[in-house]
């Protein structure tokens, strides 16, 4: 991510409307697969993006940047189970691109 994108990310976070149906107390968390900083394959996300990622001014910049970093480095890898992205996975990658992430860094669902 270049410096201009990082600056734009801050602007987007400040103005981004809530992208999910999560209530303010539901904090769907992104799983960055911490046990493997550079995984050979991806695990499916278990939770929809919560407000800490999509809550505009209420978002947590550290959590958002962690998610952005993960998809930038690993988003094109196949899922470990060989299946396509789930609807939940697609919500995360949609959020990634909505926040300025390059679509070339995320896996597209198979036709």
C-alpha atoms as a PDB file:
ATOM      1  CA  UNK A   1       0.000   0.000   0.000  1.00  0.00           C
ATOM      2  CA  UNK A   2       1.488   3.337  -0.998  1.00  0.00           C
ATOM      3  CA  UNK A   3       1.402   6.475   1.219  1.00  0.00           C
ATOM      4  CA  UNK A   4      -1.430   8.002  -0.799  1.00  0.00           C
ATOM      5  CA  UNK A   5      -3.562   4.892  -0.231  1.00  0.00           C
ATOM      6  CA  UNK A   6      -2.851   4.981   3.504  1.00  0.00           C
ATOM      7  CA  UNK A   7      -3.885   8.644   3.637  1.00  0.00           C
ATOM      8  CA  UNK A   8      -7.032   7.839   1.663  1.00  0.00           C
ATOM      9  CA  UNK A   9      -7.767   4.959   4.061  1.00  0.00           C
ATOM     10  CA  UNK A  10      -7.973   7.402   6.956  1.00  0.00           C
ATOM     11  CA  UNK A  11     -10.380   9.574   4.995  1.00  0.00           C
ATOM     12  CA  UNK A  12     -12.527   6.599   4.016  1.00  0.00           C
ATOM     13  CA  UNK A  13     -12.651   5.296   7.601  1.00  0.00           C
ATOM     14  CA  UNK A  14     -13.913   8.655   8.769  1.00  0.00           C
ATOM     15  CA  UNK A  15     -16.745   8.733   6.253  1.00  0.00           C
ATOM     16  CA  UNK A  16     -17.517   5.086   5.486  1.00  0.00           C
ATOM     17  CA  UNK A  17     -21.069   4.102   6.344  1.00  0.00           C
ATOM     18  CA  UNK A  18     -21.662   0.874   8.197  1.00  0.00           C
ATOM     19  CA  UNK A  19     -21.356  -1.875   5.570  1.00  0.00           C
ATOM     20  CA  UNK A  20     -22.805  -4.711   7.604  1.00  0.00           C
ATOM     21  CA  UNK A  21     -25.960  -5.435   9.512  1.00  0.00           C
ATOM     22  CA  UNK A  22     -24.000  -5.842  12.757  1.00  0.00           C
ATOM     23  CA  UNK A  23     -25.218  -3.856  15.717  1.00  0.00           C
ATOM     24  CA  UNK A  24     -22.782  -1.639  17.591  1.00  0.00           C
ATOM     25  CA  UNK A  25     -22.133  -4.337  20.211  1.00  0.00           C
ATOM     26  CA  UNK A  26     -21.436  -7.059  17.636  1.00  0.00           C
ATOM     27  CA  UNK A  27     -17.767  -6.949  16.796  1.00  0.00           C
ATOM     28  CA  UNK A  28     -17.229  -9.526  14.067  1.00  0.00           C
ATOM     29  CA  UNK A  29     -13.491 -10.071  14.058  1.00  0.00           C
ATOM     30  CA  UNK A  30     -11.137 -10.796  11.212  1.00  0.00           C
ATOM     31  CA  UNK A  31      -8.966 -13.898  11.688  1.00  0.00           C
ATOM     32  CA  UNK A  32      -5.486 -13.069  10.345  1.00  0.00           C
ATOM     33  CA  UNK A  33      -4.272 -16.636  10.956  1.00  0.00           C
ATOM     34  CA  UNK A  34      -1.690 -15.407  13.484  1.00  0.00           C
ATOM     35  CA  UNK A  35      -0.170 -18.857  13.896  1.00  0.00           C
ATOM     36  CA  UNK A  36       1.130 -18.550  10.361  1.00  0.00           C
ATOM     37  CA  UNK A  37       2.139 -14.990   9.376  1.00  0.00           C
ATOM     38  CA  UNK A  38       2.574 -16.086   5.780  1.00  0.00           C
ATOM     39  CA  UNK A  39       0.166 -18.975   5.287  1.00  0.00           C
ATOM     40  CA  UNK A  40       0.422 -21.220   2.242  1.00  0.00           C
ATOM     41  CA  UNK A  41      -3.380 -21.262   2.005  1.00  0.00           C
ATOM     42  CA  UNK A  42      -6.302 -19.342   3.525  1.00  0.00           C
ATOM     43  CA  UNK A  43      -8.813 -20.373   6.151  1.00  0.00           C
ATOM     44  CA  UNK A  44     -12.382 -19.171   5.620  1.00  0.00           C
ATOM     45  CA  UNK A  45     -13.459 -16.280   7.825  1.00  0.00           C
ATOM     46  CA  UNK A  46     -15.968 -17.335  10.487  1.00  0.00           C
ATOM     47  CA  UNK A  47     -17.503 -13.921  11.268  1.00  0.00           C
ATOM     48  CA  UNK A  48     -18.925 -11.076   9.178  1.00  0.00           C
ATOM     49  CA  UNK A  49     -17.024  -7.766   9.416  1.00  0.00           C
ATOM     50  CA  UNK A  50     -18.061  -5.943  12.575  1.00  0.00           C
ATOM     51  CA  UNK A  51     -18.183  -2.242  13.295  1.00  0.00           C
ATOM     52  CA  UNK A  52     -14.537  -2.199  14.360  1.00  0.00           C
ATOM     53  CA  UNK A  53     -13.797  -2.613  10.623  1.00  0.00           C
ATOM     54  CA  UNK A  54     -16.742  -0.893   8.968  1.00  0.00           C
ATOM     55  CA  UNK A  55     -18.038   1.591  11.509  1.00  0.00           C
ATOM     56  CA  UNK A  56     -16.755   4.844  10.010  1.00  0.00           C
ATOM     57  CA  UNK A  57     -15.412   6.994  12.840  1.00  0.00           C
ATOM     58  CA  UNK A  58     -16.093   4.135  15.267  1.00  0.00           C
ATOM     59  CA  UNK A  59     -13.760   1.779  13.347  1.00  0.00           C
ATOM     60  CA  UNK A  60     -10.507   0.584  14.907  1.00  0.00           C
ATOM     61  CA  UNK A  61      -7.678   1.737  12.574  1.00  0.00           C
ATOM     62  CA  UNK A  62      -5.267  -0.897  13.907  1.00  0.00           C
ATOM     63  CA  UNK A  63      -7.726  -3.722  13.192  1.00  0.00           C
ATOM     64  CA  UNK A  64      -8.501  -2.308   9.742  1.00  0.00           C
ATOM     65  CA  UNK A  65      -4.832  -2.004   8.842  1.00  0.00           C
ATOM     66  CA  UNK A  66      -4.174  -5.576  10.042  1.00  0.00           C
ATOM     67  CA  UNK A  67      -6.940  -6.850   7.743  1.00  0.00           C
ATOM     68  CA  UNK A  68      -5.672  -4.721   4.847  1.00  0.00           C
ATOM     69  CA  UNK A  69      -2.098  -5.967   5.348  1.00  0.00           C
ATOM     70  CA  UNK A  70      -3.230  -9.577   5.441  1.00  0.00           C
ATOM     71  CA  UNK A  71      -5.179  -9.401   2.169  1.00  0.00           C
ATOM     72  CA  UNK A  72      -2.457  -7.378   0.458  1.00  0.00           C
ATOM     73  CA  UNK A  73       0.079 -10.094   1.290  1.00  0.00           C
ATOM     74  CA  UNK A  74      -2.111 -13.217   1.105  1.00  0.00           C
ATOM     75  CA  UNK A  75      -5.440 -12.475  -0.556  1.00  0.00           C
ATOM     76  CA  UNK A  76      -4.805 -14.333  -3.804  1.00  0.00           C
ATOM     77  CA  UNK A  77      -3.923 -17.638  -2.143  1.00  0.00           C
ATOM     78  CA  UNK A  78      -6.329 -20.569  -2.447  1.00  0.00           C
ATOM     79  CA  UNK A  79      -8.453 -21.705   0.481  1.00  0.00           C
ATOM     80  CA  UNK A  80      -7.039 -24.696   2.334  1.00  0.00           C
ATOM     81  CA  UNK A  81     -10.202 -26.750   1.792  1.00  0.00           C
ATOM     82  CA  UNK A  82     -10.074 -26.156  -1.973  1.00  0.00           C
ATOM     83  CA  UNK A  83     -13.486 -24.474  -1.947  1.00  0.00           C
ATOM     84  CA  UNK A  84     -14.280 -20.999  -3.277  1.00  0.00           C
ATOM     85  CA  UNK A  85     -14.715 -17.996  -0.971  1.00  0.00           C
ATOM     86  CA  UNK A  86     -17.864 -18.107   1.161  1.00  0.00           C
ATOM     87  CA  UNK A  87     -20.324 -15.233   1.388  1.00  0.00           C
ATOM     88  CA  UNK A  88     -18.546 -14.170   4.594  1.00  0.00           C
ATOM     89  CA  UNK A  89     -15.153 -14.255   2.858  1.00  0.00           C
ATOM     90  CA  UNK A  90     -16.611 -12.114   0.075  1.00  0.00           C
ATOM     91  CA  UNK A  91     -17.857  -9.554   2.623  1.00  0.00           C
ATOM     92  CA  UNK A  92     -14.294  -9.212   3.928  1.00  0.00           C
ATOM     93  CA  UNK A  93     -12.711  -8.894   0.503  1.00  0.00           C
ATOM     94  CA  UNK A  94     -15.462  -6.462  -0.513  1.00  0.00           C
ATOM     95  CA  UNK A  95     -14.619  -4.352   2.530  1.00  0.00           C
ATOM     96  CA  UNK A  96     -10.918  -4.579   1.634  1.00  0.00           C
ATOM     97  CA  UNK A  97     -11.560  -3.165  -1.839  1.00  0.00           C
ATOM     98  CA  UNK A  98     -14.082  -0.589  -0.554  1.00  0.00           C
ATOM     99  CA  UNK A  99     -11.337   0.736   1.728  1.00  0.00           C
ATOM    100  CA  UNK A 100      -8.976   1.162  -1.223  1.00  0.00           C
ATOM    101  CA  UNK A 101      -7.337  -2.261  -1.412  1.00  0.00           C
ATOM    102  CA  UNK A 102      -6.261  -3.316  -4.899  1.00  0.00           C
ATOM    103  CA  UNK A 103      -8.604  -5.910  -6.435  1.00  0.00           C
ATOM    104  CA  UNK A 104      -5.506  -7.667  -7.803  1.00  0.00           C
ATOM    105  CA  UNK A 105      -4.668  -8.639  -4.199  1.00  0.00           C
ATOM    106  CA  UNK A 106      -7.826 -10.650  -3.521  1.00  0.00           C
ATOM    107  CA  UNK A 107      -9.125 -13.912  -4.850  1.00  0.00           C
ATOM    108  CA  UNK A 108     -12.231 -13.753  -6.996  1.00  0.00           C
ATOM    109  CA  UNK A 109     -14.921 -16.432  -6.688  1.00  0.00           C
ATOM    110  CA  UNK A 110     -14.776 -19.145  -9.329  1.00  0.00           C
ATOM    111  CA  UNK A 111     -17.504 -19.076 -11.953  1.00  0.00           C
END
